[in-house]
Every structure is written in C-alpha cells, then in structure tokens.
C-alpha cells in the first residue's frame, strides 16, 4: 500500500488523505517492530544460512505461540 502524496503546488494533502496516511503509518510501524524483534532472535540468526532453516524455525515459533494461547 502506498501513502498519499501531495499534488504539485498543493500545501498539504486533504484531510481524508492525511487520516489514511496516519492509519497506514500505524500499521506499518507494528509490522516493522515485529520484523526488528524477530531479527534479534538467536534461532533465526543461526539458521538463516540453511535452506529451509528459517521456514522450519518460524513453524516451530508459531506452534509454541499457539500452545501458549491455548494454555
């Protein structure tokens, strides 16, 4: 999704475009924080050079997360 830009000669985008950009920024910030947090995980750092290592690690993490939710 691409944020709205102001038109040439326009001081700033209309209000609805600013609102849309704000919601876009909030969603993007959540995703970027999640990616940054995953980059710090040792299991992902160690297996990233293996072919399917990251895929298998993410499956394991997802399973552990789901088990934690179920309790």
Protein backbone atom coordinates (compact mmCIF):
# COMPACT_ATOMS: atom_id res chain seq x y z
CA UNK A 1 0.00 0.00 0.00
CA UNK A 2 1.40 3.39 -0.96
CA UNK A 3 0.72 6.50 1.14
CA UNK A 4 -0.87 9.53 -0.48
CA UNK A 5 1.40 12.32 -1.66
CA UNK A 6 0.52 15.95 -2.08
CA UNK A 7 -0.01 17.23 -5.59
CA UNK A 8 2.38 19.70 -7.17
CA UNK A 9 1.62 23.19 -5.86
CA UNK A 10 -0.54 21.83 -3.03
CA UNK A 11 0.43 22.85 0.52
CA UNK A 12 -0.63 19.52 2.06
CA UNK A 13 -2.94 16.62 1.18
CA UNK A 14 -6.66 16.83 2.04
CA UNK A 15 -7.81 15.70 5.48
CA UNK A 16 -9.03 12.25 4.41
CA UNK A 17 -5.66 11.53 2.82
CA UNK A 18 -3.85 12.59 5.97
CA UNK A 19 -6.09 10.27 8.03
CA UNK A 20 -5.40 7.43 5.62
CA UNK A 21 -1.64 8.08 5.82
CA UNK A 22 -1.80 8.11 9.62
CA UNK A 23 -3.54 4.72 9.77
CA UNK A 24 -1.07 3.37 7.19
CA UNK A 25 1.86 4.55 9.35
CA UNK A 26 0.44 2.85 12.44
CA UNK A 27 0.04 -0.50 10.70
CA UNK A 28 3.47 -0.24 9.10
CA UNK A 29 5.08 0.61 12.45
CA UNK A 30 3.64 -2.56 14.01
CA UNK A 31 4.99 -4.71 11.19
CA UNK A 32 8.42 -3.05 11.30
CA UNK A 33 8.65 -3.57 15.08
CA UNK A 34 7.77 -7.25 14.64
CA UNK A 35 10.47 -7.69 11.98
CA UNK A 36 13.03 -5.91 14.16
CA UNK A 37 12.18 -8.12 17.10
CA UNK A 38 12.46 -11.31 15.04
CA UNK A 39 15.89 -10.27 13.77
CA UNK A 40 17.16 -10.37 17.34
CA UNK A 41 16.11 -13.98 17.92
CA UNK A 42 19.12 -16.28 18.03
CA UNK A 43 17.27 -19.22 16.50
CA UNK A 44 16.54 -17.19 13.36
CA UNK A 45 20.05 -15.76 13.18
CA UNK A 46 21.67 -19.18 13.41
CA UNK A 47 19.51 -20.98 10.86
CA UNK A 48 19.17 -18.27 8.21
CA UNK A 49 22.04 -19.72 6.14
CA UNK A 50 20.40 -23.14 5.89
CA UNK A 51 17.98 -23.73 3.01
CA UNK A 52 14.66 -24.13 4.86
CA UNK A 53 16.01 -23.24 8.29
CA UNK A 54 14.03 -20.02 8.75
CA UNK A 55 10.84 -21.66 7.47
CA UNK A 56 11.11 -24.50 9.98
CA UNK A 57 12.04 -22.13 12.79
CA UNK A 58 9.01 -19.95 12.09
CA UNK A 59 6.74 -23.00 12.07
CA UNK A 60 8.11 -24.00 15.47
CA UNK A 61 7.69 -20.50 16.86
CA UNK A 62 4.11 -20.35 15.57
CA UNK A 63 3.31 -23.69 17.21
CA UNK A 64 4.78 -22.58 20.53
CA UNK A 65 2.81 -19.33 20.33
CA UNK A 66 -0.42 -21.20 19.64
CA UNK A 67 0.24 -23.57 22.53
CA UNK A 68 0.80 -20.59 24.83
CA UNK A 69 -2.52 -19.11 23.74
CA UNK A 70 -4.41 -22.34 24.40
CA UNK A 71 -2.80 -22.63 27.82
